[in-house]
Protein backbone atom coordinates (compact mmCIF):
# COMPACT_ATOMS: atom_id res chain seq x y z
CA THR A 1 82.91 113.05 118.78
CA GLY A 2 79.17 113.30 118.76
CA PHE A 3 76.49 114.92 116.64
CA TYR A 4 74.60 118.17 116.29
CA PHE A 5 71.64 119.49 114.34
CA ASP A 6 71.98 122.49 112.06
CA ALA A 7 69.37 125.24 111.49
CA ASN A 8 67.55 122.96 108.99
CA PHE A 9 67.37 120.15 111.57
CA VAL A 10 69.88 118.01 109.65
CA GLY A 11 72.14 115.92 111.88
CA HIS A 12 75.90 115.88 111.39
CA ALA A 13 78.63 114.02 113.23
CA PHE A 14 81.54 116.09 114.51
CA LEU A 15 85.07 115.73 115.76
CA ARG A 16 86.42 118.25 118.25
CA ALA A 17 90.21 118.54 118.32
CA THR A 18 92.13 119.28 121.52
CA ASN A 19 92.66 122.85 120.28
CA GLY A 20 88.89 123.35 120.02
CA THR A 21 88.62 123.06 116.24
CA ILE A 22 85.39 121.32 115.23
CA THR A 23 85.20 119.29 112.03
CA SER A 24 81.74 118.46 110.70
CA ILE A 25 81.32 114.93 109.30
CA ASP A 26 78.71 113.75 106.83
CA ALA A 27 78.91 110.16 105.62
CA PRO A 28 78.55 109.67 101.87
CA GLY A 29 75.02 108.56 101.12
CA ALA A 30 73.49 110.15 104.21
CA ASP A 31 70.14 111.81 103.70
CA LYS A 32 70.46 115.57 104.22
CA THR A 33 66.79 116.40 103.71
CA PRO A 34 65.82 119.05 106.29
CA GLY A 35 63.88 117.54 109.16
CA SER A 36 64.06 113.98 107.83
CA GLY A 37 65.86 112.55 110.86
CA ASN A 38 68.03 110.61 108.41
CA ASP A 39 71.35 111.95 109.54
CA THR A 40 75.01 111.18 110.40
CA PHE A 41 75.88 110.46 114.05
CA GLY A 42 79.32 110.01 115.59
CA VAL A 43 79.29 107.42 118.37
CA GLY A 44 82.91 106.43 119.01
CA LEU A 45 86.48 107.73 118.87
CA THR A 46 89.74 105.77 118.99
CA PRO A 47 92.93 107.16 120.57
CA ASP A 48 94.43 107.62 117.10
CA GLY A 49 91.54 109.86 116.00
CA GLU A 50 89.26 107.51 114.06
CA VAL A 51 85.57 108.34 114.37
CA GLU A 52 82.98 105.62 114.01
CA GLY A 53 79.29 106.16 113.68
CA VAL A 54 76.04 105.55 111.90
CA PHE A 55 74.16 107.30 109.15
CA VAL A 56 70.71 106.90 107.67
CA ASP A 57 70.18 106.95 103.91
CA PRO A 58 67.22 108.53 102.04
CA LYS A 59 65.30 105.22 102.29
CA GLY A 60 65.66 105.14 106.09
CA VAL A 61 68.26 102.31 106.15
CA LEU A 62 71.05 102.39 108.78
CA HIS A 63 74.73 102.07 107.77
CA GLY A 64 78.01 102.16 109.68
CA PHE A 65 80.98 104.36 108.88
CA VAL A 66 84.57 104.90 109.98
CA ARG A 67 86.36 108.21 109.39
CA SER A 68 90.14 107.96 109.43
CA ARG A 69 92.29 110.58 111.09
CA LYS A 70 93.07 111.89 107.59
CA GLY A 71 89.37 112.33 106.82
CA THR A 72 88.69 109.32 104.60
CA ILE A 73 85.24 107.89 105.28
CA THR A 74 84.60 104.18 104.75
CA THR A 75 81.06 102.87 105.04
CA PHE A 76 80.16 99.32 106.05
CA ASN A 77 77.14 97.06 106.41
CA VAL A 78 76.71 93.72 108.12
CA PRO A 79 75.98 91.31 105.23
CA ALA A 80 72.93 89.85 107.03
CA ALA A 81 71.41 93.27 107.80
CA GLY A 82 67.97 94.16 106.46
CA THR A 83 67.58 96.82 103.81
CA GLY A 84 64.17 98.24 104.72
CA PRO A 85 63.40 101.46 106.62
CA GLY A 86 64.66 101.24 110.21
CA GLN A 87 66.79 98.19 109.41
CA GLY A 88 70.51 97.90 108.79
CA THR A 89 73.78 98.31 110.69
CA LEU A 90 74.01 100.28 113.94
CA PRO A 91 77.51 100.70 115.46
CA GLU A 92 77.48 101.54 119.18
CA SER A 93 81.09 101.66 120.42
CA ASN A 94 84.70 100.85 119.66
CA ASP A 95 87.76 99.74 121.58
CA ILE A 96 91.36 100.99 121.55
CA LEU A 97 92.17 98.67 118.61
CA GLY A 98 89.28 100.02 116.54
CA THR A 99 87.03 96.96 116.88
CA ILE A 100 83.45 98.18 116.58
CA ALA A 101 80.57 96.62 118.51
CA GLY A 102 76.96 97.14 117.57
CA ASN A 103 73.77 95.56 116.40
CA TYR A 104 72.13 94.99 113.10
CA LEU A 105 68.45 94.64 112.35
CA ASP A 106 67.60 91.86 109.92
CA GLN A 107 64.80 91.82 107.32
CA ASN A 108 62.33 91.06 110.15
CA SER A 109 63.64 93.92 112.36
CA VAL A 110 65.15 91.46 114.86
CA ASP A 111 68.34 92.67 116.60
CA HIS A 112 71.58 90.69 116.40
CA GLY A 113 75.06 91.52 117.69
CA PHE A 114 78.18 92.15 115.65
CA LEU A 115 81.85 92.92 116.13
CA PHE A 116 83.76 94.46 113.20
CA ASP A 117 87.56 94.55 113.25
CA ARG A 118 90.05 96.75 111.40
CA LEU A 119 90.69 93.99 108.88
CA GLY A 120 87.04 94.12 107.80
CA HIS A 121 85.94 90.87 109.46
CA PHE A 122 82.53 90.55 111.09
CA SER A 123 81.77 88.30 114.06
CA LEU A 124 78.01 87.89 114.45
CA PHE A 125 76.33 86.62 117.61
CA ASP A 126 73.04 86.21 119.44
CA VAL A 127 72.43 85.74 123.16
CA PRO A 128 70.87 82.25 123.49
CA GLY A 129 67.17 82.11 124.31
CA MET A 130 66.30 85.66 123.30
CA GLY A 131 63.26 86.66 121.25
CA THR A 132 63.05 86.50 117.49
CA GLY A 133 60.32 89.08 116.95
CA PRO A 134 60.68 92.69 115.81
CA GLY A 135 62.52 94.75 118.45
CA GLN A 136 63.76 91.64 120.23
CA GLY A 137 67.18 89.99 120.24
CA THR A 138 70.76 91.04 121.00
CA ILE A 139 71.94 94.65 121.27
CA PRO A 140 75.63 95.20 122.15
CA LEU A 141 76.12 98.67 123.64
CA ASP A 142 79.81 98.73 124.59
CA ASN A 143 83.08 96.88 124.13
CA ASN A 144 86.35 97.31 125.97
CA ASP A 145 90.09 96.96 125.42
CA PHE A 146 90.17 93.53 127.12
CA GLY A 147 88.06 91.62 124.59
CA ALA A 148 84.64 91.91 126.22
CA ALA A 149 81.35 93.32 125.00
CA THR A 150 78.25 94.16 127.02
CA GLY A 151 74.70 95.09 126.18
CA GLU A 152 71.10 94.15 126.46
CA ALA A 153 69.08 91.27 125.10
CA ILE A 154 65.31 91.19 124.81
CA ASP A 155 63.41 87.91 125.14
CA ALA A 156 60.11 86.80 123.56
CA ASP A 157 58.17 88.37 126.45
CA ASN A 158 59.93 91.71 125.78
CA VAL A 159 61.87 91.45 129.04
CA THR A 160 65.30 93.07 128.84
CA HIS A 161 68.37 91.20 130.15
CA GLY A 162 72.00 92.29 130.39
CA PHE A 163 74.82 90.24 128.87
CA LEU A 164 78.60 90.03 128.91
CA LEU A 165 80.45 88.46 125.98
CA GLU A 166 84.04 87.64 126.93
CA ASP A 167 87.02 86.61 124.83
CA TRP A 168 85.43 86.96 121.44
């Protein structure tokens, strides 16, 4: 999975099958205005063919989505996510069980971590001692099949630190 831009500079997620067939994916609610940059991006794939990703709506708000192997697209938002331009829910990766790790930007554009499981439950977290200003906070970038998540965290001095969250 990944994303591409068409001739009108609209981004679409895609799924490439083992036989080479490419399926274009557009999340419902994604802005398809040419050149807007408000697009659909695929960022993760489970072994059973689920695609997870992010899309941007016409107001510039980020939302998560999961596309089932059968093609059904379900969108999701962290309840605490902001609803202004550049805010919202940003999935980054998924594990073999379909648990999605990512960050959400609150109403003040501060980053916070989340894990979202197949049952629809969110686990929200922050690395202790990190900044609480715009562009600061906790940004999970990857999770693995052993119950760990890693990423970066930005403190009040805008210094970036790595983190490992185990056994969540």
